[in-house]
Amino acid sequence: MNERQSDFYQKIRNDVKHWLNDNLDKENKWVDYILAAPDLFHLLCKLTADSKIPSNKKLKLVAGIAYFISPIDLLPEAFLGPIGYLDDIAVTAYILNDLINEVDPQIVRNHWAGDSDILDLIKTILANADKMIGSKLWKKIRKRF
């Protein structure tokens, strides 16, 4: 992970941490996904550096990193706070699902820093993506990636 990516990783972690502290008394059904956002970003970065990942898949991983970093996306974090990471999380799950259909899923597991099983998390995110971000936005994301 380069310095810019590392700084962004820390930004996501801090944003989520502060949001969670400010909203401890509120219930949010997407909190587990939002908490996974920094680890998902980290995973994209680690996988781009893995020599076992095919070049065409690395391009998609880089696109996922760019989507995370870009201030312009379908659910902007600048306006929504960490709730705005839900589209980034859905994009990441979509890209990772595509990747594990071509490479050994253990490669993805080896780079995962999160607590839950990454393959289960990917499946759960994809199963709930249209509820998380809306079916129209989810269709747009799938067309782009």
Protein backbone atom coordinates (compact mmCIF):
# COMPACT_ATOMS: atom_id res chain seq x y z
CA MET A 1 0.00 0.00 0.00
CA ASN A 2 1.51 3.33 -1.00
CA GLU A 3 1.48 6.42 1.24
CA ARG A 4 -1.65 7.92 -0.34
CA GLN A 5 -3.54 4.65 0.03
CA SER A 6 -2.32 4.28 3.60
CA ASP A 7 -3.50 7.80 4.42
CA PHE A 8 -6.90 7.07 2.89
CA TYR A 9 -7.14 3.82 4.83
CA GLN A 10 -6.55 5.78 8.05
CA LYS A 11 -9.13 8.37 6.96
CA ILE A 12 -11.77 5.68 6.47
CA ARG A 13 -10.96 4.09 9.84
CA ASN A 14 -11.17 7.47 11.59
CA ASP A 15 -14.40 8.44 9.82
CA VAL A 16 -16.05 5.15 10.75
CA LYS A 17 -14.75 5.28 14.33
CA HIS A 18 -16.07 8.82 14.90
CA TRP A 19 -19.39 8.04 13.21
CA LEU A 20 -19.83 4.96 15.36
CA ASN A 21 -19.02 6.87 18.56
CA ASP A 22 -21.51 9.60 17.60
CA ASN A 23 -24.23 7.07 16.76
CA LEU A 24 -23.85 4.44 19.49
CA ASP A 25 -27.38 5.04 20.66
CA LYS A 26 -28.86 4.71 17.17
CA GLU A 27 -29.53 1.44 15.42
CA ASN A 28 -28.22 1.01 11.88
CA LYS A 29 -28.65 -2.31 10.08
CA TRP A 30 -25.61 -1.62 7.87
CA VAL A 31 -23.12 -0.93 10.66
CA ASP A 32 -21.26 -4.25 10.20
CA TYR A 33 -20.66 -3.45 6.54
CA ILE A 34 -19.59 0.11 7.31
CA LEU A 35 -17.14 -1.20 9.92
CA ALA A 36 -15.66 -3.49 7.24
CA ALA A 37 -15.03 -0.59 4.81
CA PRO A 38 -11.41 0.09 5.89
CA ASP A 39 -10.54 -3.61 5.70
CA LEU A 40 -12.16 -3.93 2.27
CA PHE A 41 -10.13 -0.98 1.02
CA HIS A 42 -6.99 -2.53 2.51
CA LEU A 43 -7.81 -5.83 0.78
CA LEU A 44 -8.12 -4.16 -2.63
CA CYS A 45 -4.71 -2.56 -2.14
CA LYS A 46 -3.04 -5.80 -1.03
CA LEU A 47 -4.50 -7.80 -3.91
CA THR A 48 -3.20 -5.34 -6.51
CA ALA A 49 0.33 -6.13 -5.34
CA ASP A 50 -0.10 -9.92 -5.44
CA SER A 51 1.68 -11.56 -8.37
CA LYS A 52 -0.91 -14.37 -8.46
CA ILE A 53 -3.64 -11.95 -9.54
CA PRO A 54 -4.10 -11.68 -13.34
CA SER A 55 -3.55 -8.25 -14.90
CA ASN A 56 -7.14 -7.88 -16.10
CA LYS A 57 -8.37 -8.47 -12.52
CA LYS A 58 -5.81 -6.02 -11.14
CA LEU A 59 -7.34 -3.34 -13.36
CA LYS A 60 -10.71 -3.95 -11.71
CA LEU A 61 -9.09 -3.85 -8.27
CA VAL A 62 -7.48 -0.51 -9.12
CA ALA A 63 -10.86 0.75 -10.34
CA GLY A 64 -12.31 -0.25 -6.96
CA ILE A 65 -9.55 1.66 -5.15
CA ALA A 66 -10.19 4.69 -7.33
CA TYR A 67 -13.91 4.48 -6.60
CA PHE A 68 -13.21 4.41 -2.86
CA ILE A 69 -10.86 7.40 -3.10
CA SER A 70 -12.94 9.49 -5.47
CA PRO A 71 -15.02 12.17 -3.78
CA ILE A 72 -17.49 11.86 -6.65
CA ASP A 73 -19.56 8.70 -6.49
CA LEU A 74 -23.16 7.58 -6.21
CA LEU A 75 -23.36 8.03 -2.42
CA PRO A 76 -20.88 10.79 -1.54
CA GLU A 77 -19.25 10.46 1.88
CA ALA A 78 -18.82 14.26 2.04
CA PHE A 79 -22.60 14.62 2.40
CA LEU A 80 -23.60 11.32 4.00
CA GLY A 81 -20.62 10.50 6.22
CA PRO A 82 -19.71 6.82 6.51
CA ILE A 83 -23.17 5.81 5.23
CA GLY A 84 -21.74 6.99 1.90
CA TYR A 85 -19.31 4.07 1.96
CA LEU A 86 -22.15 1.64 1.27
CA ASP A 87 -21.78 2.03 -2.50
CA ASP A 88 -17.98 1.63 -2.21
CA ILE A 89 -18.56 -1.54 -0.18
CA ALA A 90 -20.97 -2.90 -2.81
CA VAL A 91 -18.51 -2.11 -5.62
CA THR A 92 -15.74 -3.86 -3.71
CA ALA A 93 -17.87 -6.97 -3.09
CA TYR A 94 -18.81 -7.08 -6.77
CA ILE A 95 -15.15 -6.83 -7.86
CA LEU A 96 -14.01 -9.40 -5.29
CA ASN A 97 -16.75 -11.83 -6.29
CA ASP A 98 -15.57 -11.57 -9.89
CA LEU A 99 -12.00 -12.18 -8.73
CA ILE A 100 -12.73 -15.27 -6.63
CA ASN A 101 -14.50 -16.84 -9.60
CA GLU A 102 -11.14 -16.84 -11.42
CA VAL A 103 -8.45 -17.24 -8.77
CA ASP A 104 -8.04 -19.42 -5.71
CA PRO A 105 -10.24 -17.84 -3.01
CA GLN A 106 -7.49 -18.59 -0.48
CA ILE A 107 -5.44 -15.77 -2.05
CA VAL A 108 -8.18 -13.34 -1.06
CA ARG A 109 -8.42 -14.88 2.41
CA ASN A 110 -4.65 -14.57 2.88
CA HIS A 111 -4.81 -10.79 2.41
CA TRP A 112 -7.96 -10.22 4.48
CA ALA A 113 -7.36 -8.31 7.73
CA GLY A 114 -10.98 -8.32 8.90
CA ASP A 115 -12.56 -10.45 11.59
CA SER A 116 -15.26 -12.25 9.62
CA ASP A 117 -14.79 -14.70 6.77
CA ILE A 118 -14.30 -12.57 3.66
CA LEU A 119 -16.09 -14.99 1.34
CA ASP A 120 -19.17 -14.99 3.57
CA LEU A 121 -19.01 -11.20 3.82
CA ILE A 122 -18.85 -10.84 0.02
CA LYS A 123 -21.89 -13.10 -0.41
CA THR A 124 -23.84 -11.25 2.28
CA ILE A 125 -23.05 -7.83 0.83
CA LEU A 126 -24.06 -8.92 -2.66
CA ALA A 127 -27.26 -10.47 -1.34
CA ASN A 128 -28.17 -7.19 0.37
CA ALA A 129 -26.70 -4.64 -2.05
CA ASP A 130 -29.98 -3.59 -3.61
CA LYS A 131 -31.42 -2.97 -0.11
CA MET A 132 -28.27 -1.16 1.04
CA ILE A 133 -28.07 1.31 -1.81
CA GLY A 134 -31.26 0.85 -3.80
CA SER A 135 -31.88 -1.31 -6.83
CA LYS A 136 -31.38 1.53 -9.35
CA LEU A 137 -27.96 2.43 -7.95
CA TRP A 138 -26.99 -1.22 -7.74
CA LYS A 139 -27.82 -1.69 -11.44
CA LYS A 140 -25.66 1.33 -12.30
CA ILE A 141 -22.74 -0.08 -10.33
CA ARG A 142 -22.94 -3.48 -11.99
CA LYS A 143 -22.94 -1.82 -15.42
CA ARG A 144 -19.81 0.18 -14.56
CA PHE A 145 -17.81 -2.68 -13.09
